[in-house]
Amino acid sequence: MKGLVPGRRRATSNASSRSSTGEANDSFEDDTLVVEPDQGNVLSHIISQLRPGADLSKVVLPTFILEPRSMLERITNFMCHPEMLLPIPEIDDPLARFVAVVKFYLSGWHIRPPGVKKPLNPVLGEIFTCYWDFPDNTRAYYISEQTSHHPPKSSYFYMVPGHHIRVDGTLKPRSKFLGNSAASMMEGTAILSILNRGKDPLKGERYILTQPNMYARGILFGKMKYELGDHSFVRCPETGLSADIDFKTKGWVSGTYNAIGGFIKNDHTGEILYELSGLWSEEMFIKDVKTGQKEMFFNALKSRPSPPICRPLAEQEERESQRLWAKTAQAVKDRNHELATEEKTKIEEAQREEAAKRANDGVEWHPRLFRRVRGGPGGPEEGEEDLEWIINATIDGATPEKQAAQIMAIYPIVKGQIFNQKNAIPPRASHDHSGRPKDLDGGQYDLIDFGDDSPAQQQASSRKQSPSQGNSPPLDPSHRSTAEIQEMLSSTGARANEGPLIDFHEDVKKDLPSSIKRPDSIESDDEFVDAQG
């Protein structure tokens, strides 16, 4: 069946789900994927080496189940309904404001590629930025970086200065093999701050958000199906309001796909105020418990996402997501799985080589754009410890224009923006005698300290973490350390001395014997059509 793609079951309703390429689908396609026979063999070959409960983070999955974009970019799905988000700061009633936050939270889940697709795993130090321009001439900015590779952690920052909105988050997906299913346990948290509300004018009114887990069902037999499952929460500690949202998975006998249930309650009194129901992929409803009135909460079938704007590839650095994965993503879109595997493997091998070089040179990697959260009792970011990493910049301008300038000084975001050399932070850190990074330069962490420029000290600092000797001077082309810094800028990768990832490059060229076969792959009634593109 080479050169053919499986037909998909088409639902009776229409939706505006957006594919990974950013194109809106005119008709709703369900989350079912039927793989080709040779693809099924490759998948079974990999899965046959696993056991229930195994960690999938070190397994290279077949490229035919990959979404042609990085996880750092996929996170932006949650910001693609600004019409739900931008009015929130102007809502005076705390309960109505909280309900609006829950509505915004639920609005992004319907944005997904058709079938069962997994985004590309970002490499260590990978960066993705983008922005949105709104009809009222305001703009939203998004900056993200892969702050850890094993375990994977994706940290991100989103802000709309003209509307007093800020989001800080870290996503920590953890994969598991569960027999006939694979799960992505979406650990981590996001903090939505409404900066013109709340008792603290510096932090605003904060909402803590978690995510449901993601499941790929039927990976051994039956049709592959994408589901969201388990409970997620929206909490506002200041107002004492919370939402418990249950993303329901379909049972063996009863139930339906993509259903949600849940409630909004007052944690201070325990009173349930609203009940939530419906399908996250279609229509969701909210019911006022006191009055019994039920109304439409969000209609995914009629909602159009607003995709972000990205800088052209020619303006991006090598470690920016779209440029880094360009060849892999194009091969995935073209369904050239052999080429996609080859290009993806090149990036993964480069990670290992860079990690080995850092280990050999005694270099400790640190994110370029994010820093450790300074939490704990009395800390400036108390209550934000679960983020682990936060944007390494102070955004405190007196006007939206000044805040926008501070954001764009972090890293290029908009088209035509020139890279600011001050953000070229090498992946190493100076430490004090306690082993903690020193807090220099007005509260910001300097990630390298030149100190004494003597060759002896330079050699020592390249082999071990030494106490800081002073503030870092600006990067200067004539400075003797500049060449070393530039070389280290691209250093990203996994930890050294890890076992090899499974390489199925050769396997895609031949039929693999397997004791496990997908019946629908060889005896399917689905229609097969010629591949497009």
Protein backbone atom coordinates (compact mmCIF):
# COMPACT_ATOMS: atom_id res chain seq x y z
CA MET A 1 0.00 0.00 0.00
CA LYS A 2 2.97 2.29 -0.40
CA GLY A 3 1.98 5.75 -1.60
CA LEU A 4 -1.53 5.46 -0.19
CA VAL A 5 -2.99 7.03 2.92
CA PRO A 6 -5.93 5.66 4.86
CA GLY A 7 -9.31 7.27 4.59
CA ARG A 8 -10.77 8.60 7.83
CA ARG A 9 -14.20 8.34 9.28
CA ARG A 10 -15.89 11.67 8.93
CA ALA A 11 -18.21 12.89 11.63
CA THR A 12 -21.57 14.38 10.79
CA SER A 13 -20.81 17.77 12.31
CA ASN A 14 -18.50 20.53 11.17
CA ALA A 15 -15.76 22.05 13.27
CA SER A 16 -12.95 24.52 13.00
CA SER A 17 -10.18 22.42 14.43
CA ARG A 18 -6.82 23.64 13.25
CA SER A 19 -4.24 21.26 11.96
CA SER A 20 -0.59 21.36 12.89
CA THR A 21 0.14 23.31 9.72
CA GLY A 22 -2.06 26.17 10.91
CA GLU A 23 -4.74 25.60 8.29
CA ALA A 24 -8.35 25.50 9.41
CA ASN A 25 -10.28 22.38 8.53
CA ASP A 26 -13.62 23.07 6.92
CA SER A 27 -15.02 19.78 8.15
CA PHE A 28 -14.48 17.95 11.39
CA GLU A 29 -12.40 14.81 11.22
CA ASP A 30 -12.48 12.51 14.20
CA ASP A 31 -9.44 11.41 16.15
CA THR A 32 -9.21 7.96 14.55
CA LEU A 33 -6.17 6.85 12.57
CA VAL A 34 -5.79 3.61 10.64
CA VAL A 35 -2.16 2.86 9.87
CA GLU A 36 -0.78 1.18 6.78
CA PRO A 37 0.43 -2.45 7.08
CA ASP A 38 4.14 -1.62 6.98
CA GLN A 39 3.63 1.23 9.45
CA GLY A 40 1.81 -1.11 11.80
CA ASN A 41 4.74 -3.53 11.71
CA VAL A 42 7.19 -0.79 12.68
CA LEU A 43 4.96 0.32 15.54
CA SER A 44 4.51 -3.24 16.77
CA HIS A 45 8.26 -3.81 16.51
CA ILE A 46 8.92 -0.92 18.89
CA ILE A 47 6.09 -1.66 21.28
CA SER A 48 7.03 -5.34 21.52
CA GLN A 49 10.17 -4.26 23.36
CA LEU A 50 8.19 -2.47 26.06
CA ARG A 51 6.19 -3.53 29.08
CA PRO A 52 3.15 -1.88 30.70
CA GLY A 53 4.26 1.10 32.75
CA ALA A 54 7.48 1.57 30.77
CA ASP A 55 8.86 5.06 30.13
CA LEU A 56 8.62 6.07 26.47
CA SER A 57 10.89 9.11 26.76
CA LYS A 58 13.91 7.23 25.39
CA VAL A 59 12.08 5.55 22.52
CA VAL A 60 12.06 7.06 19.04
CA LEU A 61 8.49 6.72 17.76
CA PRO A 62 7.71 6.20 14.06
CA THR A 63 7.48 9.48 12.20
CA PHE A 64 4.05 8.66 10.74
CA ILE A 65 2.48 9.41 14.13
CA LEU A 66 4.37 12.68 14.55
CA GLU A 67 2.83 16.12 14.26
CA PRO A 68 5.09 18.30 12.09
CA ARG A 69 5.80 20.89 14.76
CA SER A 70 7.51 21.10 18.12
CA MET A 71 5.80 20.88 21.51
CA LEU A 72 6.94 24.47 22.13
CA GLU A 73 4.76 25.57 19.23
CA ARG A 74 1.86 23.29 20.09
CA ILE A 75 1.51 24.98 23.48
CA THR A 76 0.26 28.08 21.65
CA ASN A 77 -3.04 26.26 20.99
CA PHE A 78 -4.12 27.54 24.39
CA MET A 79 -3.66 31.16 23.34
CA CYS A 80 -5.51 30.88 20.03
CA HIS A 81 -8.88 32.16 21.25
CA PRO A 82 -8.01 35.74 22.31
CA GLU A 83 -11.67 36.73 22.05
CA MET A 84 -12.18 34.62 25.19
CA LEU A 85 -9.14 35.99 27.02
CA LEU A 86 -8.83 39.71 26.31
CA PRO A 87 -12.13 40.86 27.94
CA ILE A 88 -11.40 39.12 31.27
CA PRO A 89 -9.46 41.96 32.99
CA GLU A 90 -12.41 44.32 32.48
CA ILE A 91 -14.90 42.07 34.32
CA ASP A 92 -15.51 43.57 37.77
CA ASP A 93 -17.38 40.71 39.46
CA PRO A 94 -14.88 38.11 40.81
CA LEU A 95 -17.18 35.15 40.14
CA ALA A 96 -18.01 36.26 36.60
CA ARG A 97 -14.30 36.83 36.02
CA PHE A 98 -13.46 33.32 37.23
CA VAL A 99 -16.14 31.78 35.02
CA ALA A 100 -14.64 33.65 32.05
CA VAL A 101 -11.20 32.21 32.87
CA VAL A 102 -12.66 28.69 32.89
CA LYS A 103 -14.32 29.36 29.54
CA PHE A 104 -11.02 30.51 28.08
CA TYR A 105 -9.29 27.46 29.52
CA LEU A 106 -11.74 25.10 27.82
CA SER A 107 -11.62 26.89 24.46
CA GLY A 108 -8.29 25.54 23.21
CA TRP A 109 -8.68 21.78 23.46
CA HIS A 110 -10.50 21.36 20.15
CA ILE A 111 -7.45 22.68 18.27
CA ARG A 112 -5.61 19.55 17.19
CA PRO A 113 -4.38 17.75 14.10
CA PRO A 114 -6.62 15.01 12.70
CA GLY A 115 -5.86 11.49 13.83
CA VAL A 116 -3.38 10.51 16.52
CA LYS A 117 -0.34 12.77 16.38
CA LYS A 118 2.48 13.49 18.81
CA PRO A 119 4.44 16.76 18.58
CA LEU A 120 8.19 16.68 18.09
CA ASN A 121 10.19 16.53 21.32
CA PRO A 122 12.09 19.83 21.66
CA VAL A 123 15.85 19.62 22.03
CA LEU A 124 17.56 21.15 25.03
CA GLY A 125 17.78 24.91 24.56
CA GLU A 126 15.33 24.97 21.65
CA ILE A 127 13.44 28.28 21.42
CA PHE A 128 10.13 29.23 19.85
CA THR A 129 8.66 32.73 19.75
CA CYS A 130 5.60 34.21 18.06
CA TYR A 131 3.02 36.96 18.42
CA TRP A 132 -0.60 37.90 17.72
CA ASP A 133 -1.89 41.22 16.40
CA PHE A 134 -5.41 42.10 17.55
CA PRO A 135 -8.07 44.36 15.97
CA ASP A 136 -7.70 46.95 18.76
CA ASN A 137 -4.03 47.46 17.78
CA THR A 138 -2.73 45.56 20.80
CA ARG A 139 -0.32 42.65 20.55
CA ALA A 140 0.40 39.43 22.45
CA TYR A 141 3.93 38.00 22.76
CA TYR A 142 4.99 34.39 23.35
CA ILE A 143 8.47 33.13 24.27
CA SER A 144 9.33 29.51 25.06
CA GLU A 145 12.42 27.42 25.66
CA GLN A 146 13.14 23.77 26.38
CA THR A 147 14.64 24.06 29.85
CA SER A 148 15.24 20.33 30.35
CA HIS A 149 15.47 17.33 28.05
CA HIS A 150 15.56 14.39 30.48
CA PRO A 151 13.00 14.74 31.92
CA PRO A 152 11.43 17.02 29.28
CA LYS A 153 10.34 20.45 30.50
CA SER A 154 8.99 23.18 28.24
CA SER A 155 8.87 26.64 29.83
CA TYR A 156 6.89 29.48 28.30
CA PHE A 157 5.90 33.10 28.79
CA TYR A 158 2.92 34.91 27.24
CA MET A 159 1.91 38.52 27.76
CA VAL A 160 -0.55 41.06 26.39
CA PRO A 161 0.66 44.39 27.82
CA GLY A 162 -2.31 46.33 26.48
CA HIS A 163 -4.76 44.09 28.36
CA HIS A 164 -2.94 43.43 31.67
CA ILE A 165 -2.56 39.71 30.94
CA ARG A 166 0.43 37.49 31.63
CA VAL A 167 0.90 33.70 31.59
CA ASP A 168 3.92 31.80 32.95
CA GLY A 169 4.04 28.05 32.54
CA THR A 170 6.13 24.91 32.45
CA LEU A 171 4.86 21.74 30.81
CA LYS A 172 6.39 18.44 31.92
CA PRO A 173 5.01 15.60 29.76
CA ARG A 174 5.80 12.09 30.95
CA SER A 175 5.08 9.18 28.61
CA LYS A 176 3.95 5.68 29.55
CA PHE A 177 3.10 2.49 27.70
CA LEU A 178 -0.16 1.00 29.01
CA GLY A 179 -0.67 -2.16 26.98
CA ASN A 180 -2.97 -1.19 24.12
CA SER A 181 -2.57 2.51 24.93
CA ALA A 182 0.20 5.07 25.23
CA ALA A 183 -0.24 7.95 27.65
CA SER A 184 1.29 11.40 27.97
CA MET A 185 0.91 12.44 31.58
CA MET A 186 0.79 16.23 31.26
CA GLU A 187 2.41 17.35 34.47
CA GLY A 188 3.34 20.94 35.15
CA THR A 189 1.36 24.09 35.73
CA ALA A 190 0.55 27.49 34.28
CA ILE A 191 -0.17 30.72 36.13
CA LEU A 192 -2.48 33.25 34.48
CA SER A 193 -2.06 36.70 36.04
CA ILE A 194 -4.63 39.47 35.61
CA LEU A 195 -2.37 42.38 36.44
CA ASN A 196 -5.01 45.08 36.98
CA ARG A 197 -6.81 42.95 39.60
CA GLY A 198 -5.91 41.46 42.94
CA LYS A 199 -4.47 42.77 46.18
CA ASP A 200 -0.84 42.73 45.03
CA PRO A 201 -0.34 45.27 42.21
CA LEU A 202 2.93 43.60 41.23
CA LYS A 203 1.55 40.07 40.84
CA GLY A 204 -2.11 40.75 40.08
CA GLU A 205 -4.87 38.20 40.54
CA ARG A 206 -3.44 34.76 39.79
CA TYR A 207 -5.14 31.66 38.40
CA ILE A 208 -3.36 28.30 38.61
CA LEU A 209 -4.10 25.93 35.71
CA THR A 210 -3.29 22.26 35.18
CA GLN A 211 -3.86 20.03 32.13
CA PRO A 212 -5.62 16.74 31.40
CA ASN A 213 -3.59 13.74 30.30
CA MET A 214 -3.50 12.55 26.70
CA TYR A 215 -4.03 8.98 25.53
CA ALA A 216 -3.48 7.15 22.25
CA ARG A 217 -5.78 4.13 22.31
CA GLY A 218 -5.64 1.06 20.09
CA ILE A 219 -1.94 1.11 19.30
CA LEU A 220 -1.80 -2.71 19.12
CA PHE A 221 -5.27 -3.64 17.89
CA GLY A 222 -8.38 -1.75 16.88
CA LYS A 223 -8.28 1.75 15.46
CA MET A 224 -5.91 4.29 16.98
CA LYS A 225 -7.86 6.94 18.87
CA TYR A 226 -6.84 10.17 20.62
CA GLU A 227 -8.45 10.99 23.97
CA LEU A 228 -8.09 13.50 26.78
CA GLY A 229 -8.58 12.03 30.23
CA ASP A 230 -8.54 12.60 33.98
CA HIS A 231 -9.10 15.70 36.09
CA SER A 232 -7.66 19.16 35.57
CA PHE A 233 -8.10 22.20 37.77
CA VAL A 234 -8.42 25.97 37.64
CA ARG A 235 -7.89 27.71 40.99
CA CYS A 236 -7.79 31.30 42.17
CA PRO A 237 -6.30 31.34 45.69
CA GLU A 238 -7.19 34.99 46.25
CA THR A 239 -10.94 34.62 45.61
CA GLY A 240 -11.21 31.03 46.87
CA LEU A 241 -12.87 29.85 43.66
CA SER A 242 -11.93 26.63 41.88
CA ALA A 243 -13.04 24.48 38.96
CA ASP A 244 -12.67 20.70 38.83
CA ILE A 245 -12.96 19.55 35.21
CA ASP A 246 -13.23 15.85 34.42
CA PHE A 247 -12.13 14.92 30.91
CA LYS A 248 -13.95 11.62 30.53
CA THR A 249 -12.56 8.70 28.56
CA LYS A 250 -14.98 6.34 26.85
CA GLY A 251 -15.80 3.17 28.75
CA TRP A 252 -15.82 -0.32 27.26
CA VAL A 253 -19.61 -0.48 27.17
CA SER A 254 -21.05 2.98 27.76
CA GLY A 255 -20.06 6.59 27.43
CA THR A 256 -18.91 8.70 24.53
CA TYR A 257 -15.69 10.23 23.29
CA ASN A 258 -14.51 13.75 24.21
CA ALA A 259 -16.99 14.27 27.05
CA ILE A 260 -16.37 16.57 29.99
CA GLY A 261 -18.04 17.06 33.34
CA GLY A 262 -17.21 19.17 36.32
CA PHE A 263 -18.15 22.03 38.57
CA ILE A 264 -17.15 25.46 39.83
CA LYS A 265 -17.27 25.93 43.58
CA ASN A 266 -16.46 28.29 46.41
CA ASP A 267 -13.67 26.62 48.37
CA HIS A 268 -14.34 28.79 51.42
CA THR A 269 -17.92 27.54 51.82
CA GLY A 270 -17.81 24.31 49.80
CA GLU A 271 -20.83 25.49 47.78
CA ILE A 272 -21.04 24.25 44.19
CA LEU A 273 -22.01 27.22 42.03
CA TYR A 274 -21.99 25.87 38.47
CA GLU A 275 -21.93 22.51 36.71
CA LEU A 276 -20.10 21.88 33.43
CA SER A 277 -20.99 19.33 30.74
CA GLY A 278 -20.75 18.60 27.01
CA LEU A 279 -18.01 17.67 24.55
CA TRP A 280 -14.72 19.55 24.48
CA SER A 281 -14.55 18.97 20.72
CA GLU A 282 -18.04 20.35 20.01
CA GLU A 283 -20.44 22.05 22.45
CA MET A 284 -19.97 22.66 26.17
CA PHE A 285 -22.61 23.88 28.62
CA ILE A 286 -22.72 25.58 32.01
CA LYS A 287 -25.56 25.27 34.51
CA ASP A 288 -26.26 27.68 37.37
CA VAL A 289 -26.94 25.33 40.28
CA LYS A 290 -29.01 27.90 42.18
CA THR A 291 -31.37 28.81 39.34
CA GLY A 292 -31.15 25.61 37.31
CA GLN A 293 -30.55 27.64 34.15
CA LYS A 294 -28.36 25.87 31.57
CA GLU A 295 -26.78 27.64 28.61
CA MET A 296 -24.14 27.22 25.94
CA PHE A 297 -20.70 27.83 27.40
CA PHE A 298 -18.44 27.36 24.37
CA ASN A 299 -19.17 26.09 20.86
CA ALA A 300 -16.04 24.64 19.27
CA LEU A 301 -17.98 23.90 16.08
CA LYS A 302 -18.40 27.60 15.33
CA SER A 303 -15.19 28.99 16.79
CA ARG A 304 -12.26 30.04 14.64
CA PRO A 305 -8.81 29.91 16.25
CA SER A 306 -6.42 32.81 15.71
CA PRO A 307 -3.03 31.36 14.74
CA PRO A 308 0.13 33.15 15.86
CA ILE A 309 2.52 34.99 13.56
CA CYS A 310 6.10 33.72 13.33
CA ARG A 311 9.25 35.29 11.96
CA PRO A 312 10.47 33.90 8.61
CA LEU A 313 12.91 31.00 8.80
CA ALA A 314 15.62 33.23 7.34
CA GLU A 315 15.41 35.43 10.45
CA GLN A 316 15.53 32.55 12.91
CA GLU A 317 18.52 31.08 14.71
CA GLU A 318 19.48 27.45 14.22
CA ARG A 319 17.96 26.44 17.55
CA GLU A 320 14.56 28.01 16.89
CA SER A 321 11.86 25.39 16.49
CA GLN A 322 10.60 26.00 12.97
CA ARG A 323 14.08 26.32 11.48
CA LEU A 324 15.51 23.44 13.51
CA TRP A 325 12.77 20.99 12.49
CA ALA A 326 12.05 22.41 9.01
CA LYS A 327 13.34 19.41 7.02
CA THR A 328 11.82 16.87 9.40
CA ALA A 329 8.46 18.64 9.42
CA GLN A 330 8.34 18.91 5.64
CA ALA A 331 9.13 15.22 5.25
CA VAL A 332 6.36 14.35 7.72
CA LYS A 333 3.91 16.51 5.76
CA ASP A 334 5.03 14.81 2.54
CA ARG A 335 4.60 11.40 4.20
CA ASN A 336 8.21 10.63 3.35
CA HIS A 337 8.79 8.71 6.56
CA GLU A 338 12.25 7.47 5.63
CA LEU A 339 13.51 11.02 5.06
CA ALA A 340 11.72 12.26 8.18
CA THR A 341 13.46 9.58 10.23
CA GLU A 342 16.83 10.49 8.72
CA GLU A 343 16.46 14.22 9.43
CA LYS A 344 15.10 13.64 12.92
CA THR A 345 17.99 11.29 13.72
CA LYS A 346 20.53 13.93 12.65
CA ILE A 347 19.15 16.35 15.24
CA GLU A 348 19.09 13.71 17.96
CA GLU A 349 22.67 12.65 17.23
CA ALA A 350 23.80 16.28 17.34
CA GLN A 351 22.24 16.54 20.81
CA ARG A 352 24.28 13.60 22.05
CA GLU A 353 27.51 14.95 20.59
CA GLU A 354 26.95 18.37 22.14
CA ALA A 355 26.11 16.82 25.51
CA ALA A 356 29.28 14.74 25.37
CA LYS A 357 31.34 17.84 24.58
CA ARG A 358 29.84 19.73 27.51
CA ALA A 359 30.57 16.82 29.82
CA ASN A 360 34.14 16.62 28.55
CA ASP A 361 34.66 20.38 28.99
CA GLY A 362 33.01 20.47 32.42
CA VAL A 363 30.36 22.91 31.18
CA GLU A 364 27.04 23.11 32.99
CA TRP A 365 24.13 23.95 30.70
CA HIS A 366 21.63 26.66 31.70
CA PRO A 367 18.68 28.10 29.78
CA ARG A 368 19.29 31.30 27.85
CA LEU A 369 15.93 32.97 28.44
CA PHE A 370 14.59 31.46 31.67
CA ARG A 371 15.89 31.25 35.24
CA ARG A 372 15.05 29.25 38.35
CA VAL A 373 11.98 30.36 40.31
CA ARG A 374 12.90 32.09 43.57
CA GLY A 375 10.13 30.62 45.66
CA GLY A 376 9.78 29.39 49.20
CA PRO A 377 8.39 31.25 52.23
CA GLY A 378 8.95 34.96 51.77
CA GLY A 379 10.52 34.52 48.34
CA PRO A 380 9.65 36.97 45.56
CA GLU A 381 7.91 34.15 43.65
CA GLU A 382 6.36 32.30 46.56
CA GLY A 383 3.57 30.05 45.33
CA GLU A 384 5.11 29.63 41.88
CA GLU A 385 7.51 26.82 42.78
CA ASP A 386 5.84 24.30 40.45
CA LEU A 387 6.89 26.41 37.47
CA GLU A 388 10.56 25.69 38.26
CA TRP A 389 11.64 28.12 35.52
CA ILE A 390 10.43 31.64 34.77
CA ILE A 391 11.35 34.21 32.14
CA ASN A 392 14.68 35.84 33.01
CA ALA A 393 13.52 39.43 32.67
CA THR A 394 11.69 42.08 34.65
CA ILE A 395 8.58 43.37 32.89
CA ASP A 396 7.57 46.44 34.90
CA GLY A 397 7.25 49.25 32.36
CA ALA A 398 4.89 52.07 33.30
CA THR A 399 3.04 51.81 29.98
CA PRO A 400 2.11 48.95 27.63
CA GLU A 401 4.61 50.34 25.12
CA LYS A 402 7.45 50.20 27.63
CA GLN A 403 6.45 46.68 28.68
CA ALA A 404 6.43 45.60 25.03
CA ALA A 405 9.93 47.02 24.61
CA GLN A 406 11.10 45.06 27.66
CA ILE A 407 9.61 41.85 26.26
CA MET A 408 11.15 42.28 22.82
CA ALA A 409 14.53 42.93 24.43
CA ILE A 410 14.51 39.34 25.71
CA TYR A 411 14.67 37.71 22.28
CA PRO A 412 13.47 38.45 18.72
CA ILE A 413 9.72 37.90 18.41
CA VAL A 414 8.31 40.06 15.62
CA LYS A 415 9.24 40.09 11.95
CA GLY A 416 12.32 42.12 11.14
CA GLN A 417 13.48 42.35 14.76
CA ILE A 418 17.27 42.39 15.12
CA PHE A 419 18.84 39.91 17.53
CA ASN A 420 20.18 41.61 20.65
CA GLN A 421 23.61 40.22 21.47
CA LYS A 422 23.04 40.65 25.20
CA ASN A 423 20.72 37.65 25.07
CA ALA A 424 23.48 35.41 23.77
CA ILE A 425 24.01 33.70 27.11
CA PRO A 426 26.33 30.69 27.04
CA PRO A 427 25.20 27.45 28.71
CA ARG A 428 27.26 27.63 31.89
CA ALA A 429 26.84 29.26 35.27
CA SER A 430 28.94 30.84 37.96
CA HIS A 431 28.25 29.58 41.47
CA ASP A 432 28.97 30.88 44.91
CA HIS A 433 30.35 28.62 47.62
CA SER A 434 26.87 27.31 48.42
CA GLY A 435 26.57 25.89 44.91
CA ARG A 436 23.70 28.25 43.98
CA PRO A 437 23.92 30.64 41.01
CA LYS A 438 24.92 34.10 42.15
CA ASP A 439 22.32 36.85 41.95
CA LEU A 440 24.01 39.61 40.00
CA ASP A 441 23.12 42.65 37.96
CA GLY A 442 20.13 43.97 39.82
CA GLY A 443 18.52 40.66 40.68
CA GLN A 444 19.08 38.82 37.39
CA TYR A 445 21.16 35.66 37.20
CA ASP A 446 24.33 36.08 35.15
CA LEU A 447 25.00 32.70 33.64
CA ILE A 448 28.72 33.27 33.11
CA ASP A 449 31.39 35.25 34.92
CA PHE A 450 34.52 36.29 33.08
CA GLY A 451 36.26 37.56 36.22
CA ASP A 452 40.03 37.56 35.76
CA ASP A 453 40.90 37.17 32.09
CA SER A 454 44.07 35.27 32.82
CA PRO A 455 44.51 32.04 30.82
CA ALA A 456 44.88 30.05 34.02
CA GLN A 457 41.53 31.20 35.33
CA GLN A 458 39.84 30.64 31.96
CA GLN A 459 41.13 27.08 31.93
CA ALA A 460 39.96 26.48 35.50
CA SER A 461 36.50 27.87 34.82
CA SER A 462 36.08 25.60 31.81
CA ARG A 463 36.62 22.53 33.99
CA LYS A 464 34.67 23.33 37.14
CA GLN A 465 32.16 25.74 38.61
CA SER A 466 34.11 28.47 40.37
CA PRO A 467 33.05 31.32 42.66
CA SER A 468 32.13 34.48 40.81
CA GLN A 469 34.77 37.21 40.69
CA GLY A 470 32.57 40.07 39.54
CA ASN A 471 29.92 41.24 37.12
CA SER A 472 30.10 40.07 33.52
CA PRO A 473 31.24 42.65 30.97
CA PRO A 474 29.26 43.04 27.76
CA LEU A 475 30.13 40.76 24.88
CA ASP A 476 32.77 42.39 22.74
CA PRO A 477 34.10 40.96 19.44
CA SER A 478 37.62 41.81 20.58
CA HIS A 479 37.18 40.00 23.89
CA ARG A 480 39.22 36.81 24.04
CA SER A 481 36.25 34.81 25.37
CA THR A 482 33.86 35.78 22.59
CA ALA A 483 34.85 32.93 20.26
CA GLU A 484 34.32 30.40 23.04
CA ILE A 485 30.95 31.93 23.90
CA GLN A 486 29.75 31.84 20.32
CA GLU A 487 30.72 28.18 20.05
CA MET A 488 28.82 27.36 23.21
CA LEU A 489 25.65 29.18 22.19
CA SER A 490 24.49 26.27 20.07
CA SER A 491 25.31 23.66 22.70
CA THR A 492 22.13 21.77 23.38
CA GLY A 493 21.43 18.11 23.85
CA ALA A 494 20.65 15.22 26.11
CA ARG A 495 22.78 14.03 28.98
CA ALA A 496 25.96 12.29 28.04
CA ASN A 497 26.50 8.55 28.27
CA GLU A 498 22.87 7.62 27.72
CA GLY A 499 21.99 4.40 26.02
CA PRO A 500 21.20 4.63 22.33
CA LEU A 501 17.68 5.43 21.29
CA ILE A 502 15.89 2.83 19.20
CA ASP A 503 16.77 3.39 15.56
CA PHE A 504 14.12 2.15 13.19
CA HIS A 505 15.64 3.79 10.10
CA GLU A 506 16.58 0.47 8.55
CA ASP A 507 13.35 -1.15 9.69
CA VAL A 508 11.20 1.04 7.49
CA LYS A 509 12.94 -0.42 4.45
CA LYS A 510 11.81 -3.97 5.05
CA ASP A 511 8.97 -5.98 6.48
CA LEU A 512 9.52 -6.80 10.10
CA PRO A 513 8.32 -10.07 11.59
CA SER A 514 6.06 -9.38 14.50
CA SER A 515 4.01 -11.50 16.82
CA ILE A 516 1.60 -8.61 17.18
CA LYS A 517 -0.47 -7.47 14.23
CA ARG A 518 -3.10 -4.77 13.95
CA PRO A 519 -6.14 -6.49 12.42
CA ASP A 520 -7.48 -3.26 10.98
CA SER A 521 -4.23 -2.71 9.11
CA ILE A 522 -4.69 -5.80 6.97
CA GLU A 523 -8.42 -6.39 7.03
CA SER A 524 -9.88 -2.91 7.10
CA ASP A 525 -13.06 -1.79 5.38
CA ASP A 526 -11.83 1.80 5.34
CA GLU A 527 -11.40 3.41 1.96
CA PHE A 528 -7.86 4.17 0.83
CA VAL A 529 -7.21 7.14 -1.39
CA ASP A 530 -4.21 8.50 -3.22
CA ALA A 531 -1.90 10.63 -1.12
CA GLN A 532 -2.17 14.35 -1.69
CA GLY A 533 1.06 16.32 -1.75
